[in-house]
Amino acid sequence: MTVFIKFCWNILVIGSRWLFFVFFFLLALMNSQEVNFYWFINHSVKIPLMFIILGAFLMGMILAGFAFYRLNGKRSK
């Protein structure tokens, strides 16, 4: 029975990851109007909002990956 529960849990985890990705990807595609993105003082670029949303999502995934990698490294010692 526990093998079946673990299998179902893995399916739910993988499915939820895909669901989050599809949700944020569709959200980014719907927001295609151009906005001002400010780099530094008095420096701005007009880019579509979808790139900002996808970039923020990607940065969050990268930071979460580093955090999990660091947390896993501290537990194994």
N, C-alpha and C. Protein backbone atom coordinates (compact mmCIF):
# COMPACT_ATOMS: atom_id res chain seq x y z
N MET A 1 0.82 -1.21 0.00
CA MET A 1 0.00 0.00 0.00
C MET A 1 0.86 1.26 0.00
N THR A 2 1.97 1.24 0.71
CA THR A 2 2.80 2.45 0.77
C THR A 2 3.44 2.75 -0.58
N VAL A 3 3.71 1.72 -1.38
CA VAL A 3 4.27 1.96 -2.70
C VAL A 3 3.26 2.71 -3.57
N PHE A 4 2.00 2.34 -3.46
CA PHE A 4 0.95 3.02 -4.21
C PHE A 4 0.80 4.47 -3.75
N ILE A 5 0.88 4.71 -2.45
CA ILE A 5 0.76 6.08 -1.92
C ILE A 5 1.94 6.92 -2.38
N LYS A 6 3.15 6.36 -2.36
CA LYS A 6 4.33 7.10 -2.83
C LYS A 6 4.21 7.41 -4.32
N PHE A 7 3.70 6.45 -5.09
CA PHE A 7 3.51 6.67 -6.52
C PHE A 7 2.51 7.80 -6.75
N CYS A 8 1.40 7.77 -6.03
CA CYS A 8 0.39 8.83 -6.17
C CYS A 8 0.94 10.18 -5.75
N TRP A 9 1.73 10.20 -4.68
CA TRP A 9 2.33 11.45 -4.22
C TRP A 9 3.28 12.02 -5.28
N ASN A 10 4.09 11.15 -5.88
CA ASN A 10 5.01 11.61 -6.92
C ASN A 10 4.25 12.17 -8.11
N ILE A 11 3.15 11.53 -8.48
CA ILE A 11 2.33 12.03 -9.58
C ILE A 11 1.76 13.41 -9.23
N LEU A 12 1.30 13.58 -7.99
CA LEU A 12 0.75 14.88 -7.57
C LEU A 12 1.83 15.97 -7.56
N VAL A 13 3.03 15.63 -7.12
CA VAL A 13 4.11 16.62 -7.07
C VAL A 13 4.50 17.04 -8.48
N ILE A 14 4.68 16.08 -9.36
CA ILE A 14 5.06 16.40 -10.75
C ILE A 14 3.93 17.18 -11.43
N GLY A 15 2.69 16.76 -11.20
CA GLY A 15 1.56 17.45 -11.80
C GLY A 15 1.43 18.88 -11.30
N SER A 16 1.67 19.10 -10.01
CA SER A 16 1.58 20.46 -9.48
C SER A 16 2.68 21.35 -10.03
N ARG A 17 3.87 20.80 -10.26
CA ARG A 17 4.94 21.60 -10.87
C ARG A 17 4.58 22.02 -12.27
N TRP A 18 4.03 21.10 -13.04
CA TRP A 18 3.61 21.44 -14.40
C TRP A 18 2.47 22.44 -14.37
N LEU A 19 1.56 22.28 -13.44
CA LEU A 19 0.43 23.19 -13.34
C LEU A 19 0.90 24.61 -13.03
N PHE A 20 1.85 24.77 -12.09
CA PHE A 20 2.40 26.09 -11.79
C PHE A 20 3.09 26.68 -13.02
N PHE A 21 3.86 25.86 -13.71
CA PHE A 21 4.56 26.36 -14.89
C PHE A 21 3.58 26.82 -15.95
N VAL A 22 2.58 26.01 -16.25
CA VAL A 22 1.59 26.37 -17.28
C VAL A 22 0.82 27.62 -16.86
N PHE A 23 0.46 27.72 -15.58
CA PHE A 23 -0.27 28.89 -15.10
C PHE A 23 0.54 30.17 -15.29
N PHE A 24 1.81 30.16 -14.86
CA PHE A 24 2.62 31.36 -14.99
C PHE A 24 2.97 31.66 -16.44
N PHE A 25 3.14 30.62 -17.25
CA PHE A 25 3.42 30.84 -18.66
C PHE A 25 2.23 31.48 -19.36
N LEU A 26 1.03 30.98 -19.10
CA LEU A 26 -0.17 31.58 -19.70
C LEU A 26 -0.42 32.99 -19.16
N LEU A 27 -0.15 33.21 -17.88
CA LEU A 27 -0.28 34.54 -17.31
C LEU A 27 0.66 35.51 -18.00
N ALA A 28 1.88 35.07 -18.25
CA ALA A 28 2.84 35.94 -18.93
C ALA A 28 2.42 36.21 -20.37
N LEU A 29 1.90 35.21 -21.05
CA LEU A 29 1.49 35.42 -22.44
C LEU A 29 0.32 36.37 -22.56
N MET A 30 -0.56 36.40 -21.56
CA MET A 30 -1.70 37.30 -21.62
C MET A 30 -1.30 38.74 -21.37
N ASN A 31 -0.19 38.98 -20.69
CA ASN A 31 0.26 40.34 -20.38
C ASN A 31 1.33 40.75 -21.38
N SER A 32 0.89 41.19 -22.54
CA SER A 32 1.86 41.52 -23.59
C SER A 32 2.03 43.02 -23.81
N GLN A 33 1.40 43.87 -23.00
CA GLN A 33 1.57 45.31 -23.18
C GLN A 33 2.98 45.72 -22.73
N GLU A 34 3.45 46.79 -23.34
CA GLU A 34 4.81 47.25 -23.03
C GLU A 34 4.81 48.13 -21.78
N VAL A 35 5.84 47.93 -20.96
CA VAL A 35 6.01 48.72 -19.75
C VAL A 35 7.45 49.23 -19.69
N ASN A 36 7.65 50.26 -18.89
CA ASN A 36 9.01 50.77 -18.67
C ASN A 36 9.68 49.94 -17.59
N PHE A 37 10.84 49.39 -17.92
CA PHE A 37 11.64 48.64 -16.95
C PHE A 37 12.87 49.48 -16.63
N TYR A 38 12.99 49.91 -15.37
CA TYR A 38 14.05 50.81 -14.95
C TYR A 38 15.26 50.00 -14.47
N TRP A 39 16.39 50.20 -15.16
CA TRP A 39 17.62 49.51 -14.77
C TRP A 39 18.34 50.27 -13.67
N PHE A 40 18.77 51.45 -13.98
CA PHE A 40 19.47 52.30 -13.03
C PHE A 40 18.80 53.66 -13.02
N ILE A 41 19.38 54.60 -12.33
CA ILE A 41 18.80 55.93 -12.28
C ILE A 41 18.79 56.53 -13.69
N ASN A 42 17.63 56.95 -14.14
CA ASN A 42 17.40 57.55 -15.46
C ASN A 42 17.69 56.63 -16.64
N HIS A 43 17.73 55.33 -16.43
CA HIS A 43 17.90 54.37 -17.52
C HIS A 43 16.70 53.43 -17.51
N SER A 44 15.93 53.47 -18.58
CA SER A 44 14.76 52.61 -18.68
C SER A 44 14.68 52.01 -20.08
N VAL A 45 14.00 50.88 -20.15
CA VAL A 45 13.80 50.18 -21.41
C VAL A 45 12.34 49.80 -21.50
N LYS A 46 11.74 49.94 -22.67
CA LYS A 46 10.36 49.49 -22.87
C LYS A 46 10.40 48.05 -23.35
N ILE A 47 9.86 47.13 -22.53
CA ILE A 47 9.79 45.72 -22.89
C ILE A 47 8.40 45.19 -22.54
N PRO A 48 7.98 44.11 -23.19
CA PRO A 48 6.68 43.52 -22.85
C PRO A 48 6.67 43.00 -21.41
N LEU A 49 5.53 43.13 -20.77
CA LEU A 49 5.39 42.70 -19.39
C LEU A 49 5.62 41.20 -19.23
N MET A 50 5.38 40.41 -20.29
CA MET A 50 5.55 38.97 -20.19
C MET A 50 6.99 38.60 -19.89
N PHE A 51 7.96 39.37 -20.40
CA PHE A 51 9.35 39.06 -20.11
C PHE A 51 9.69 39.33 -18.65
N ILE A 52 9.09 40.35 -18.08
CA ILE A 52 9.33 40.65 -16.67
C ILE A 52 8.74 39.56 -15.79
N ILE A 53 7.52 39.11 -16.10
CA ILE A 53 6.87 38.07 -15.30
C ILE A 53 7.64 36.76 -15.41
N LEU A 54 7.99 36.36 -16.63
CA LEU A 54 8.74 35.12 -16.81
C LEU A 54 10.13 35.21 -16.19
N GLY A 55 10.76 36.39 -16.28
CA GLY A 55 12.07 36.57 -15.66
C GLY A 55 12.01 36.47 -14.15
N ALA A 56 10.97 37.05 -13.54
CA ALA A 56 10.82 36.95 -12.09
C ALA A 56 10.54 35.51 -11.67
N PHE A 57 9.73 34.79 -12.45
CA PHE A 57 9.45 33.39 -12.16
C PHE A 57 10.72 32.56 -12.28
N LEU A 58 11.53 32.81 -13.31
CA LEU A 58 12.78 32.09 -13.50
C LEU A 58 13.76 32.37 -12.36
N MET A 59 13.86 33.63 -11.96
CA MET A 59 14.75 33.97 -10.85
C MET A 59 14.30 33.31 -9.55
N GLY A 60 13.00 33.23 -9.33
CA GLY A 60 12.49 32.53 -8.16
C GLY A 60 12.82 31.05 -8.18
N MET A 61 12.72 30.43 -9.35
CA MET A 61 13.07 29.02 -9.46
C MET A 61 14.56 28.80 -9.21
N ILE A 62 15.39 29.68 -9.74
CA ILE A 62 16.84 29.56 -9.54
C ILE A 62 17.19 29.74 -8.07
N LEU A 63 16.63 30.77 -7.43
CA LEU A 63 16.92 30.99 -6.01
C LEU A 63 16.42 29.84 -5.14
N ALA A 64 15.27 29.28 -5.46
CA ALA A 64 14.75 28.14 -4.72
C ALA A 64 15.65 26.92 -4.92
N GLY A 65 16.14 26.74 -6.13
CA GLY A 65 17.06 25.63 -6.39
C GLY A 65 18.35 25.76 -5.60
N PHE A 66 18.91 26.97 -5.54
CA PHE A 66 20.11 27.19 -4.72
C PHE A 66 19.83 26.96 -3.24
N ALA A 67 18.66 27.39 -2.77
CA ALA A 67 18.31 27.21 -1.37
C ALA A 67 18.17 25.72 -1.03
N PHE A 68 17.51 24.95 -1.90
CA PHE A 68 17.37 23.52 -1.65
C PHE A 68 18.71 22.81 -1.74
N TYR A 69 19.57 23.24 -2.67
CA TYR A 69 20.90 22.65 -2.79
C TYR A 69 21.72 22.91 -1.54
N ARG A 70 21.66 24.14 -1.03
CA ARG A 70 22.41 24.49 0.18
C ARG A 70 21.85 23.76 1.40
N LEU A 71 20.53 23.68 1.50
CA LEU A 71 19.90 23.00 2.62
C LEU A 71 20.24 21.50 2.59
N ASN A 72 20.24 20.90 1.42
CA ASN A 72 20.57 19.49 1.29
C ASN A 72 22.03 19.24 1.64
N GLY A 73 22.92 20.17 1.28
CA GLY A 73 24.34 20.02 1.60
C GLY A 73 24.61 20.11 3.09
N LYS A 74 23.85 20.94 3.81
CA LYS A 74 24.05 21.07 5.26
C LYS A 74 23.51 19.85 6.00
N ARG A 75 22.46 19.22 5.49
CA ARG A 75 21.90 18.06 6.16
C ARG A 75 22.78 16.83 6.01
N SER A 76 23.50 16.72 4.88
CA SER A 76 24.28 15.51 4.64
C SER A 76 25.56 15.49 5.45
N LYS A 77 25.98 16.61 6.00
CA LYS A 77 27.24 16.65 6.78
C LYS A 77 27.03 16.22 8.20
